């Protein structure tokens, strides 16, 4: 199943936060955990992107290369800027968030 709606035009969006709303935060369910990037997770990131339909028709190697060029730059601090959501019931990673 393709989770992305392809008929919606792509737009670049810049998000900005002028103040943090503490009420917007909630704890992660006991069935999930959030962890930071560590060495060897490039392929995990690529798998999540493929499952979401983000890179239809793109080879695994090209997806990993995109990740390296986009997020693994010198002084990227990737361990602090990239997080993964893991489903503890299924034992698989299901989401990711990277700050550029």
PDB file of N, CA and C in Angstrom:
ATOM      1  N   UNK A   1       0.845  -1.170   0.000  1.00  0.00           N
ATOM      2  CA  UNK A   1       0.000   0.000   0.000  1.00  0.00           C
ATOM      3  C   UNK A   1       0.897   1.241   0.000  1.00  0.00           C
ATOM      4  N   UNK A   2       0.611   2.171  -0.871  1.00  0.00           N
ATOM      5  CA  UNK A   2       1.361   3.420  -0.944  1.00  0.00           C
ATOM      6  C   UNK A   2       0.690   4.446  -0.037  1.00  0.00           C
ATOM      7  N   UNK A   3       1.427   4.938   0.963  1.00  0.00           N
ATOM      8  CA  UNK A   3       0.849   5.842   1.947  1.00  0.00           C
ATOM      9  C   UNK A   3       0.830   7.301   1.506  1.00  0.00           C
ATOM     10  N   UNK A   4       1.570   7.630   0.479  1.00  0.00           N
ATOM     11  CA  UNK A   4       1.626   9.021   0.036  1.00  0.00           C
ATOM     12  C   UNK A   4       0.576   9.298  -1.030  1.00  0.00           C
ATOM     13  N   UNK A   5      -0.080  10.407  -0.902  1.00  0.00           N
ATOM     14  CA  UNK A   5      -1.058  10.852  -1.906  1.00  0.00           C
ATOM     15  C   UNK A   5      -0.285  11.560  -3.006  1.00  0.00           C
ATOM     16  N   UNK A   6      -0.154  10.926  -4.157  1.00  0.00           N
ATOM     17  CA  UNK A   6       0.669  11.462  -5.247  1.00  0.00           C
ATOM     18  C   UNK A   6      -0.045  12.561  -6.036  1.00  0.00           C
ATOM     19  N   UNK A   7      -1.349  12.726  -5.878  1.00  0.00           N
ATOM     20  CA  UNK A   7      -2.048  13.740  -6.664  1.00  0.00           C
ATOM     21  C   UNK A   7      -1.935  15.140  -6.045  1.00  0.00           C
ATOM     22  N   UNK A   8      -1.420  15.222  -4.825  1.00  0.00           N
ATOM     23  CA  UNK A   8      -1.236  16.530  -4.182  1.00  0.00           C
ATOM     24  C   UNK A   8       0.104  17.092  -4.639  1.00  0.00           C
ATOM     25  N   UNK A   9       0.134  18.320  -5.168  1.00  0.00           N
ATOM     26  CA  UNK A   9       1.402  18.892  -5.646  1.00  0.00           C
ATOM     27  C   UNK A   9       2.406  19.052  -4.504  1.00  0.00           C
ATOM     28  N   UNK A  10       3.674  18.822  -4.814  1.00  0.00           N
ATOM     29  CA  UNK A  10       4.746  18.983  -3.835  1.00  0.00           C
ATOM     30  C   UNK A  10       4.975  20.466  -3.568  1.00  0.00           C
ATOM     31  N   UNK A  11       5.127  20.813  -2.305  1.00  0.00           N
ATOM     32  CA  UNK A  11       5.421  22.191  -1.909  1.00  0.00           C
ATOM     33  C   UNK A  11       6.544  22.176  -0.891  1.00  0.00           C
ATOM     34  N   UNK A  12       7.428  23.143  -0.950  1.00  0.00           N
ATOM     35  CA  UNK A  12       8.444  23.322   0.065  1.00  0.00           C
ATOM     36  C   UNK A  12       7.827  24.164   1.174  1.00  0.00           C
ATOM     37  N   UNK A  13       7.955  23.672   2.398  1.00  0.00           N
ATOM     38  CA  UNK A  13       7.355  24.358   3.533  1.00  0.00           C
ATOM     39  C   UNK A  13       8.435  24.630   4.567  1.00  0.00           C
ATOM     40  N   UNK A  14       8.472  25.830   5.063  1.00  0.00           N
ATOM     41  CA  UNK A  14       9.374  26.184   6.150  1.00  0.00           C
ATOM     42  C   UNK A  14       8.523  26.301   7.407  1.00  0.00           C
ATOM     43  N   UNK A  15       8.885  25.515   8.413  1.00  0.00           N
ATOM     44  CA  UNK A  15       8.128  25.550   9.665  1.00  0.00           C
ATOM     45  C   UNK A  15       8.915  26.375  10.686  1.00  0.00           C
ATOM     46  N   UNK A  16       8.190  27.111  11.492  1.00  0.00           N
ATOM     47  CA  UNK A  16       8.820  28.001  12.450  1.00  0.00           C
ATOM     48  C   UNK A  16       8.040  27.933  13.757  1.00  0.00           C
ATOM     49  N   UNK A  17       8.759  28.018  14.855  1.00  0.00           N
ATOM     50  CA  UNK A  17       8.129  27.992  16.168  1.00  0.00           C
ATOM     51  C   UNK A  17       8.609  29.197  16.962  1.00  0.00           C
ATOM     52  N   UNK A  18       7.683  30.100  17.278  1.00  0.00           N
ATOM     53  CA  UNK A  18       8.042  31.276  18.053  1.00  0.00           C
ATOM     54  C   UNK A  18       7.971  31.021  19.556  1.00  0.00           C
ATOM     55  N   UNK A  19       7.161  30.069  19.967  1.00  0.00           N
ATOM     56  CA  UNK A  19       7.099  29.691  21.383  1.00  0.00           C
ATOM     57  C   UNK A  19       6.609  28.249  21.480  1.00  0.00           C
ATOM     58  N   UNK A  20       7.055  27.557  22.498  1.00  0.00           N
ATOM     59  CA  UNK A  20       6.715  26.146  22.668  1.00  0.00           C
ATOM     60  C   UNK A  20       5.479  26.024  23.542  1.00  0.00           C
ATOM     61  N   UNK A  21       4.514  25.250  23.073  1.00  0.00           N
ATOM     62  CA  UNK A  21       3.300  24.968  23.821  1.00  0.00           C
ATOM     63  C   UNK A  21       3.502  23.655  24.565  1.00  0.00           C
ATOM     64  N   UNK A  22       3.776  23.730  25.850  1.00  0.00           N
ATOM     65  CA  UNK A  22       4.030  22.543  26.653  1.00  0.00           C
ATOM     66  C   UNK A  22       2.886  21.562  26.667  1.00  0.00           C
ATOM     67  N   UNK A  23       1.662  22.020  26.429  1.00  0.00           N
ATOM     68  CA  UNK A  23       0.498  21.140  26.422  1.00  0.00           C
ATOM     69  C   UNK A  23       0.472  20.237  25.188  1.00  0.00           C
ATOM     70  N   UNK A  24       1.286  20.550  24.199  1.00  0.00           N
ATOM     71  CA  UNK A  24       1.306  19.778  22.957  1.00  0.00           C
ATOM     72  C   UNK A  24       2.103  18.479  23.091  1.00  0.00           C
ATOM     73  N   UNK A  25       2.871  18.337  24.144  1.00  0.00           N
ATOM     74  CA  UNK A  25       3.711  17.166  24.331  1.00  0.00           C
ATOM     75  C   UNK A  25       2.956  16.065  25.071  1.00  0.00           C
ATOM     76  N   UNK A  26       3.232  14.830  24.682  1.00  0.00           N
ATOM     77  CA  UNK A  26       2.660  13.693  25.397  1.00  0.00           C
ATOM     78  C   UNK A  26       3.699  12.578  25.429  1.00  0.00           C
ATOM     79  N   UNK A  27       3.511  11.675  26.333  1.00  0.00           N
ATOM     80  CA  UNK A  27       4.413  10.534  26.446  1.00  0.00           C
ATOM     81  C   UNK A  27       4.157   9.555  25.300  1.00  0.00           C
ATOM     82  N   UNK A  28       5.198   8.866  24.912  1.00  0.00           N
ATOM     83  CA  UNK A  28       5.071   7.830  23.892  1.00  0.00           C
ATOM     84  C   UNK A  28       4.444   6.601  24.547  1.00  0.00           C
ATOM     85  N   UNK A  29       3.534   5.969  23.851  1.00  0.00           N
ATOM     86  CA  UNK A  29       2.891   4.761  24.350  1.00  0.00           C
ATOM     87  C   UNK A  29       3.936   3.716  24.744  1.00  0.00           C
ATOM     88  N   UNK A  30       3.580   2.857  25.662  1.00  0.00           N
ATOM     89  CA  UNK A  30       4.486   1.804  26.114  1.00  0.00           C
ATOM     90  C   UNK A  30       4.830   0.821  24.999  1.00  0.00           C
ATOM     91  N   UNK A  31       4.103   0.881  23.900  1.00  0.00           N
ATOM     92  CA  UNK A  31       4.344  -0.031  22.779  1.00  0.00           C
ATOM     93  C   UNK A  31       5.357   0.518  21.781  1.00  0.00           C
ATOM     94  N   UNK A  32       5.862   1.716  22.046  1.00  0.00           N
ATOM     95  CA  UNK A  32       6.808   2.365  21.144  1.00  0.00           C
ATOM     96  C   UNK A  32       7.969   2.936  21.933  1.00  0.00           C
ATOM     97  N   UNK A  33       9.059   3.156  21.248  1.00  0.00           N
ATOM     98  CA  UNK A  33      10.201   3.824  21.846  1.00  0.00           C
ATOM     99  C   UNK A  33      10.823   4.757  20.804  1.00  0.00           C
ATOM    100  N   UNK A  34      11.424   5.825  21.275  1.00  0.00           N
ATOM    101  CA  UNK A  34      12.126   6.762  20.401  1.00  0.00           C
ATOM    102  C   UNK A  34      13.604   6.663  20.725  1.00  0.00           C
ATOM    103  N   UNK A  35      14.393   6.448  19.688  1.00  0.00           N
ATOM    104  CA  UNK A  35      15.838   6.348  19.866  1.00  0.00           C
ATOM    105  C   UNK A  35      16.571   7.236  18.885  1.00  0.00           C
ATOM    106  N   UNK A  36      17.806   7.521  19.211  1.00  0.00           N
ATOM    107  CA  UNK A  36      18.657   8.364  18.372  1.00  0.00           C
ATOM    108  C   UNK A  36      19.387   7.524  17.313  1.00  0.00           C
ATOM    109  N   UNK A  37      19.803   8.198  16.256  1.00  0.00           N
ATOM    110  CA  UNK A  37      20.610   7.577  15.202  1.00  0.00           C
ATOM    111  C   UNK A  37      21.924   7.088  15.796  1.00  0.00           C
ATOM    112  N   UNK A  38      22.379   5.943  15.330  1.00  0.00           N
ATOM    113  CA  UNK A  38      23.733   5.471  15.640  1.00  0.00           C
ATOM    114  C   UNK A  38      24.288   4.806  14.387  1.00  0.00           C
ATOM    115  N   UNK A  39      25.588   4.595  14.366  1.00  0.00           N
ATOM    116  CA  UNK A  39      26.232   4.006  13.188  1.00  0.00           C
ATOM    117  C   UNK A  39      25.475   2.773  12.721  1.00  0.00           C
ATOM    118  N   UNK A  40      25.312   2.672  11.421  1.00  0.00           N
ATOM    119  CA  UNK A  40      24.654   1.516  10.830  1.00  0.00           C
ATOM    120  C   UNK A  40      23.163   1.688  10.601  1.00  0.00           C
ATOM    121  N   UNK A  41      22.615   2.861  10.918  1.00  0.00           N
ATOM    122  CA  UNK A  41      21.169   3.053  10.765  1.00  0.00           C
ATOM    123  C   UNK A  41      20.787   3.705   9.436  1.00  0.00           C
ATOM    124  N   UNK A  42      21.745   3.905   8.555  1.00  0.00           N
ATOM    125  CA  UNK A  42      21.433   4.476   7.232  1.00  0.00           C
ATOM    126  C   UNK A  42      20.406   3.610   6.511  1.00  0.00           C
ATOM    127  N   UNK A  43      20.576   2.305   6.603  1.00  0.00           N
ATOM    128  CA  UNK A  43      19.658   1.397   5.916  1.00  0.00           C
ATOM    129  C   UNK A  43      18.284   1.376   6.572  1.00  0.00           C
ATOM    130  N   UNK A  44      18.230   1.588   7.892  1.00  0.00           N
ATOM    131  CA  UNK A  44      16.940   1.686   8.579  1.00  0.00           C
ATOM    132  C   UNK A  44      16.193   2.900   8.047  1.00  0.00           C
ATOM    133  N   UNK A  45      16.893   4.024   7.944  1.00  0.00           N
ATOM    134  CA  UNK A  45      16.292   5.249   7.408  1.00  0.00           C
ATOM    135  C   UNK A  45      15.787   4.999   5.991  1.00  0.00           C
ATOM    136  N   UNK A  46      16.620   4.357   5.172  1.00  0.00           N
ATOM    137  CA  UNK A  46      16.247   4.079   3.779  1.00  0.00           C
ATOM    138  C   UNK A  46      15.013   3.176   3.709  1.00  0.00           C
ATOM    139  N   UNK A  47      14.942   2.163   4.567  1.00  0.00           N
ATOM    140  CA  UNK A  47      13.786   1.260   4.566  1.00  0.00           C
ATOM    141  C   UNK A  47      12.501   1.997   4.924  1.00  0.00           C
ATOM    142  N   UNK A  48      12.570   2.885   5.904  1.00  0.00           N
ATOM    143  CA  UNK A  48      11.390   3.666   6.291  1.00  0.00           C
ATOM    144  C   UNK A  48      10.938   4.544   5.135  1.00  0.00           C
ATOM    145  N   UNK A  49      11.881   5.170   4.452  1.00  0.00           N
ATOM    146  CA  UNK A  49      11.544   6.025   3.312  1.00  0.00           C
ATOM    147  C   UNK A  49      10.918   5.215   2.185  1.00  0.00           C
ATOM    148  N   UNK A  50      11.457   4.029   1.921  1.00  0.00           N
ATOM    149  CA  UNK A  50      10.888   3.165   0.875  1.00  0.00           C
ATOM    150  C   UNK A  50       9.464   2.749   1.223  1.00  0.00           C
ATOM    151  N   UNK A  51       9.247   2.346   2.478  1.00  0.00           N
ATOM    152  CA  UNK A  51       7.910   1.896   2.896  1.00  0.00           C
ATOM    153  C   UNK A  51       6.885   3.021   2.790  1.00  0.00           C
ATOM    154  N   UNK A  52       7.327   4.260   2.943  1.00  0.00           N
ATOM    155  CA  UNK A  52       6.398   5.388   2.861  1.00  0.00           C
ATOM    156  C   UNK A  52       6.125   5.803   1.418  1.00  0.00           C
ATOM    157  N   UNK A  53       6.873   5.233   0.461  1.00  0.00           N
ATOM    158  CA  UNK A  53       6.694   5.588  -0.937  1.00  0.00           C
ATOM    159  C   UNK A  53       7.472   6.829  -1.343  1.00  0.00           C
ATOM    160  N   UNK A  54       8.338   7.276  -0.460  1.00  0.00           N
ATOM    161  CA  UNK A  54       9.085   8.512  -0.702  1.00  0.00           C
ATOM    162  C   UNK A  54      10.064   8.390  -1.869  1.00  0.00           C
ATOM    163  N   UNK A  55      10.581   7.196  -2.109  1.00  0.00           N
ATOM    164  CA  UNK A  55      11.593   7.008  -3.145  1.00  0.00           C
ATOM    165  C   UNK A  55      11.176   5.910  -4.122  1.00  0.00           C
ATOM    166  N   UNK A  56       9.965   5.980  -4.632  1.00  0.00           N
ATOM    167  CA  UNK A  56       9.498   4.977  -5.589  1.00  0.00           C
ATOM    168  C   UNK A  56      10.444   4.883  -6.783  1.00  0.00           C
ATOM    169  N   UNK A  57      10.851   3.670  -7.119  1.00  0.00           N
ATOM    170  CA  UNK A  57      11.684   3.444  -8.299  1.00  0.00           C
ATOM    171  C   UNK A  57      13.149   3.797  -8.110  1.00  0.00           C
ATOM    172  N   UNK A  58      13.562   4.116  -6.890  1.00  0.00           N
ATOM    173  CA  UNK A  58      14.955   4.478  -6.620  1.00  0.00           C
ATOM    174  C   UNK A  58      15.629   3.287  -5.942  1.00  0.00           C
ATOM    175  N   UNK A  59      16.875   2.999  -6.331  1.00  0.00           N
ATOM    176  CA  UNK A  59      17.579   1.846  -5.761  1.00  0.00           C
ATOM    177  C   UNK A  59      17.939   2.101  -4.297  1.00  0.00           C
ATOM    178  N   UNK A  60      18.116   1.010  -3.562  1.00  0.00           N
ATOM    179  CA  UNK A  60      18.507   1.110  -2.155  1.00  0.00           C
ATOM    180  C   UNK A  60      19.810   1.898  -1.997  1.00  0.00           C
ATOM    181  N   UNK A  61      20.773   1.618  -2.863  1.00  0.00           N
ATOM    182  CA  UNK A  61      22.057   2.318  -2.796  1.00  0.00           C
ATOM    183  C   UNK A  61      21.889   3.816  -3.017  1.00  0.00           C
ATOM    184  N   UNK A  62      21.017   4.204  -3.936  1.00  0.00           N
ATOM    185  CA  UNK A  62      20.796   5.631  -4.198  1.00  0.00           C
ATOM    186  C   UNK A  62      20.098   6.320  -3.027  1.00  0.00           C
ATOM    187  N   UNK A  63      19.224   5.591  -2.344  1.00  0.00           N
ATOM    188  CA  UNK A  63      18.551   6.170  -1.176  1.00  0.00           C
ATOM    189  C   UNK A  63      19.568   6.402  -0.059  1.00  0.00           C
ATOM    190  N   UNK A  64      20.426   5.427   0.166  1.00  0.00           N
ATOM    191  CA  UNK A  64      21.468   5.569   1.192  1.00  0.00           C
ATOM    192  C   UNK A  64      22.417   6.706   0.817  1.00  0.00           C
ATOM    193  N   UNK A  65      22.773   6.817  -0.438  1.00  0.00           N
ATOM    194  CA  UNK A  65      23.636   7.913  -0.891  1.00  0.00           C
ATOM    195  C   UNK A  65      22.970   9.258  -0.643  1.00  0.00           C
ATOM    196  N   UNK A  66      21.674   9.369  -0.897  1.00  0.00           N
ATOM    197  CA  UNK A  66      20.929  10.598  -0.614  1.00  0.00           C
ATOM    198  C   UNK A  66      21.018  10.927   0.875  1.00  0.00           C
ATOM    199  N   UNK A  67      20.819   9.940   1.729  1.00  0.00           N
ATOM    200  CA  UNK A  67      20.902  10.151   3.177  1.00  0.00           C
ATOM    201  C   UNK A  67      22.286  10.671   3.558  1.00  0.00           C
ATOM    202  N   UNK A  68      23.314  10.034   3.018  1.00  0.00           N
ATOM    203  CA  UNK A  68      24.687  10.438   3.346  1.00  0.00           C
ATOM    204  C   UNK A  68      24.960  11.880   2.925  1.00  0.00           C
ATOM    205  N   UNK A  69      24.554  12.238   1.716  1.00  0.00           N
ATOM    206  CA  UNK A  69      24.807  13.594   1.213  1.00  0.00           C
ATOM    207  C   UNK A  69      23.973  14.647   1.941  1.00  0.00           C
ATOM    208  N   UNK A  70      22.770  14.262   2.377  1.00  0.00           N
ATOM    209  CA  UNK A  70      21.869  15.217   3.009  1.00  0.00           C
ATOM    210  C   UNK A  70      22.130  15.368   4.502  1.00  0.00           C
ATOM    211  N   UNK A  71      22.380  14.257   5.187  1.00  0.00           N
ATOM    212  CA  UNK A  71      22.433  14.293   6.648  1.00  0.00           C
ATOM    213  C   UNK A  71      23.787  13.970   7.260  1.00  0.00           C
ATOM    214  N   UNK A  72      24.687  13.323   6.536  1.00  0.00           N
ATOM    215  CA  UNK A  72      25.974  12.938   7.116  1.00  0.00           C
ATOM    216  C   UNK A  72      27.108  13.843   6.658  1.00  0.00           C
ATOM    217  N   UNK A  73      26.877  15.132   6.712  1.00  0.00           N
ATOM    218  CA  UNK A  73      27.915  16.082   6.343  1.00  0.00           C
ATOM    219  C   UNK A  73      28.896  16.241   7.503  1.00  0.00           C
ATOM    220  N   UNK A  74      30.034  16.884   7.254  1.00  0.00           N
ATOM    221  CA  UNK A  74      30.977  17.156   8.331  1.00  0.00           C
ATOM    222  C   UNK A  74      30.270  17.937   9.426  1.00  0.00           C
ATOM    223  N   UNK A  75      30.528  17.556  10.665  1.00  0.00           N
ATOM    224  CA  UNK A  75      29.921  18.229  11.824  1.00  0.00           C
ATOM    225  C   UNK A  75      28.390  18.190  11.785  1.00  0.00           C
ATOM    226  N   UNK A  76      27.826  17.132  11.233  1.00  0.00           N
ATOM    227  CA  UNK A  76      26.370  17.063  11.078  1.00  0.00           C
ATOM    228  C   UNK A  76      25.651  16.846  12.405  1.00  0.00           C
ATOM    229  N   UNK A  77      26.345  16.326  13.418  1.00  0.00           N
ATOM    230  CA  UNK A  77      25.721  16.026  14.709  1.00  0.00           C
ATOM    231  C   UNK A  77      24.487  15.141  14.531  1.00  0.00           C
ATOM    232  N   UNK A  78      24.582  14.189  13.604  1.00  0.00           N
ATOM    233  CA  UNK A  78      23.452  13.350  13.238  1.00  0.00           C
ATOM    234  C   UNK A  78      22.891  12.582  14.432  1.00  0.00           C
ATOM    235  N   UNK A  79      23.743  12.210  15.375  1.00  0.00           N
ATOM    236  CA  UNK A  79      23.274  11.459  16.541  1.00  0.00           C
ATOM    237  C   UNK A  79      22.302  12.282  17.383  1.00  0.00           C
ATOM    238  N   UNK A  80      22.394  13.587  17.325  1.00  0.00           N
ATOM    239  CA  UNK A  80      21.500  14.460  18.081  1.00  0.00           C
ATOM    240  C   UNK A  80      20.315  14.947  17.251  1.00  0.00           C
ATOM    241  N   UNK A  81      20.430  14.888  15.939  1.00  0.00           N
ATOM    242  CA  UNK A  81      19.404  15.481  15.079  1.00  0.00           C
ATOM    243  C   UNK A  81      18.473  14.477  14.412  1.00  0.00           C
ATOM    244  N   UNK A  82      18.789  13.201  14.516  1.00  0.00           N
ATOM    245  CA  UNK A  82      17.979  12.190  13.831  1.00  0.00           C
ATOM    246  C   UNK A  82      17.457  11.174  14.846  1.00  0.00           C
ATOM    247  N   UNK A  83      16.137  11.018  14.869  1.00  0.00           N
ATOM    248  CA  UNK A  83      15.493  10.091  15.797  1.00  0.00           C
ATOM    249  C   UNK A  83      14.661   9.076  15.026  1.00  0.00           C
ATOM    250  N   UNK A  84      14.436   7.934  15.669  1.00  0.00           N
ATOM    251  CA  UNK A  84      13.667   6.852  15.068  1.00  0.00           C
ATOM    252  C   UNK A  84      12.591   6.392  16.037  1.00  0.00           C
ATOM    253  N   UNK A  85      11.425   6.070  15.491  1.00  0.00           N
ATOM    254  CA  UNK A  85      10.319   5.527  16.266  1.00  0.00           C
ATOM    255  C   UNK A  85      10.259   4.022  16.002  1.00  0.00           C
ATOM    256  N   UNK A  86      10.302   3.242  17.082  1.00  0.00           N
ATOM    257  CA  UNK A  86      10.294   1.785  16.944  1.00  0.00           C
ATOM    258  C   UNK A  86       9.037   1.211  17.582  1.00  0.00           C
ATOM    259  N   UNK A  87       8.374   0.326  16.833  1.00  0.00           N
ATOM    260  CA  UNK A  87       7.223  -0.429  17.317  1.00  0.00           C
ATOM    261  C   UNK A  87       7.779  -1.620  18.099  1.00  0.00           C
ATOM    262  N   UNK A  88       7.581  -1.617  19.416  1.00  0.00           N
ATOM    263  CA  UNK A  88       8.139  -2.675  20.256  1.00  0.00           C
ATOM    264  C   UNK A  88       7.386  -3.994  20.107  1.00  0.00           C
ATOM    265  N   UNK A  89       6.123  -3.943  19.693  1.00  0.00           N
ATOM    266  CA  UNK A  89       5.349  -5.166  19.501  1.00  0.00           C
ATOM    267  C   UNK A  89       5.865  -5.926  18.280  1.00  0.00           C
ATOM    268  N   UNK A  90       6.017  -5.196  17.170  1.00  0.00           N
ATOM    269  CA  UNK A  90       6.496  -5.819  15.926  1.00  0.00           C
ATOM    270  C   UNK A  90       8.017  -5.903  15.879  1.00  0.00           C
ATOM    271  N   UNK A  91       8.701  -5.091  16.687  1.00  0.00           N
ATOM    272  CA  UNK A  91      10.162  -5.096  16.703  1.00  0.00           C
ATOM    273  C   UNK A  91      10.779  -4.421  15.495  1.00  0.00           C
ATOM    274  N   UNK A  92      10.046  -3.465  14.890  1.00  0.00           N
ATOM    275  CA  UNK A  92      10.566  -2.787  13.698  1.00  0.00           C
ATOM    276  C   UNK A  92      10.484  -1.271  13.861  1.00  0.00           C
ATOM    277  N   UNK A  93      11.362  -0.598  13.144  1.00  0.00           N
ATOM    278  CA  UNK A  93      11.326   0.866  13.097  1.00  0.00           C
ATOM    279  C   UNK A  93      10.239   1.288  12.114  1.00  0.00           C
ATOM    280  N   UNK A  94       9.432   2.276  12.522  1.00  0.00           N
ATOM    281  CA  UNK A  94       8.298   2.671  11.674  1.00  0.00           C
ATOM    282  C   UNK A  94       8.289   4.151  11.323  1.00  0.00           C
ATOM    283  N   UNK A  95       9.198   4.926  11.875  1.00  0.00           N
ATOM    284  CA  UNK A  95       9.204   6.356  11.584  1.00  0.00           C
ATOM    285  C   UNK A  95      10.547   6.966  11.905  1.00  0.00           C
ATOM    286  N   UNK A  96      10.792   8.116  11.309  1.00  0.00           N
ATOM    287  CA  UNK A  96      12.039   8.825  11.560  1.00  0.00           C
ATOM    288  C   UNK A  96      11.818  10.315  11.401  1.00  0.00           C
ATOM    289  N   UNK A  97      12.657  11.086  12.052  1.00  0.00           N
ATOM    290  CA  UNK A  97      12.612  12.539  11.957  1.00  0.00           C
ATOM    291  C   UNK A  97      14.039  13.043  11.997  1.00  0.00           C
ATOM    292  N   UNK A  98      14.412  13.835  10.997  1.00  0.00           N
ATOM    293  CA  UNK A  98      15.761  14.407  10.953  1.00  0.00           C
ATOM    294  C   UNK A  98      15.668  15.910  10.808  1.00  0.00           C
ATOM    295  N   UNK A  99      16.408  16.614  11.607  1.00  0.00           N
ATOM    296  CA  UNK A  99      16.517  18.061  11.484  1.00  0.00           C
ATOM    297  C   UNK A  99      17.693  18.376  10.588  1.00  0.00           C
ATOM    298  N   UNK A 100      17.517  19.265   9.649  1.00  0.00           N
ATOM    299  CA  UNK A 100      18.613  19.640   8.765  1.00  0.00           C
ATOM    300  C   UNK A 100      19.312  20.859   9.288  1.00  0.00           C
TER     301      UNK A 100
END
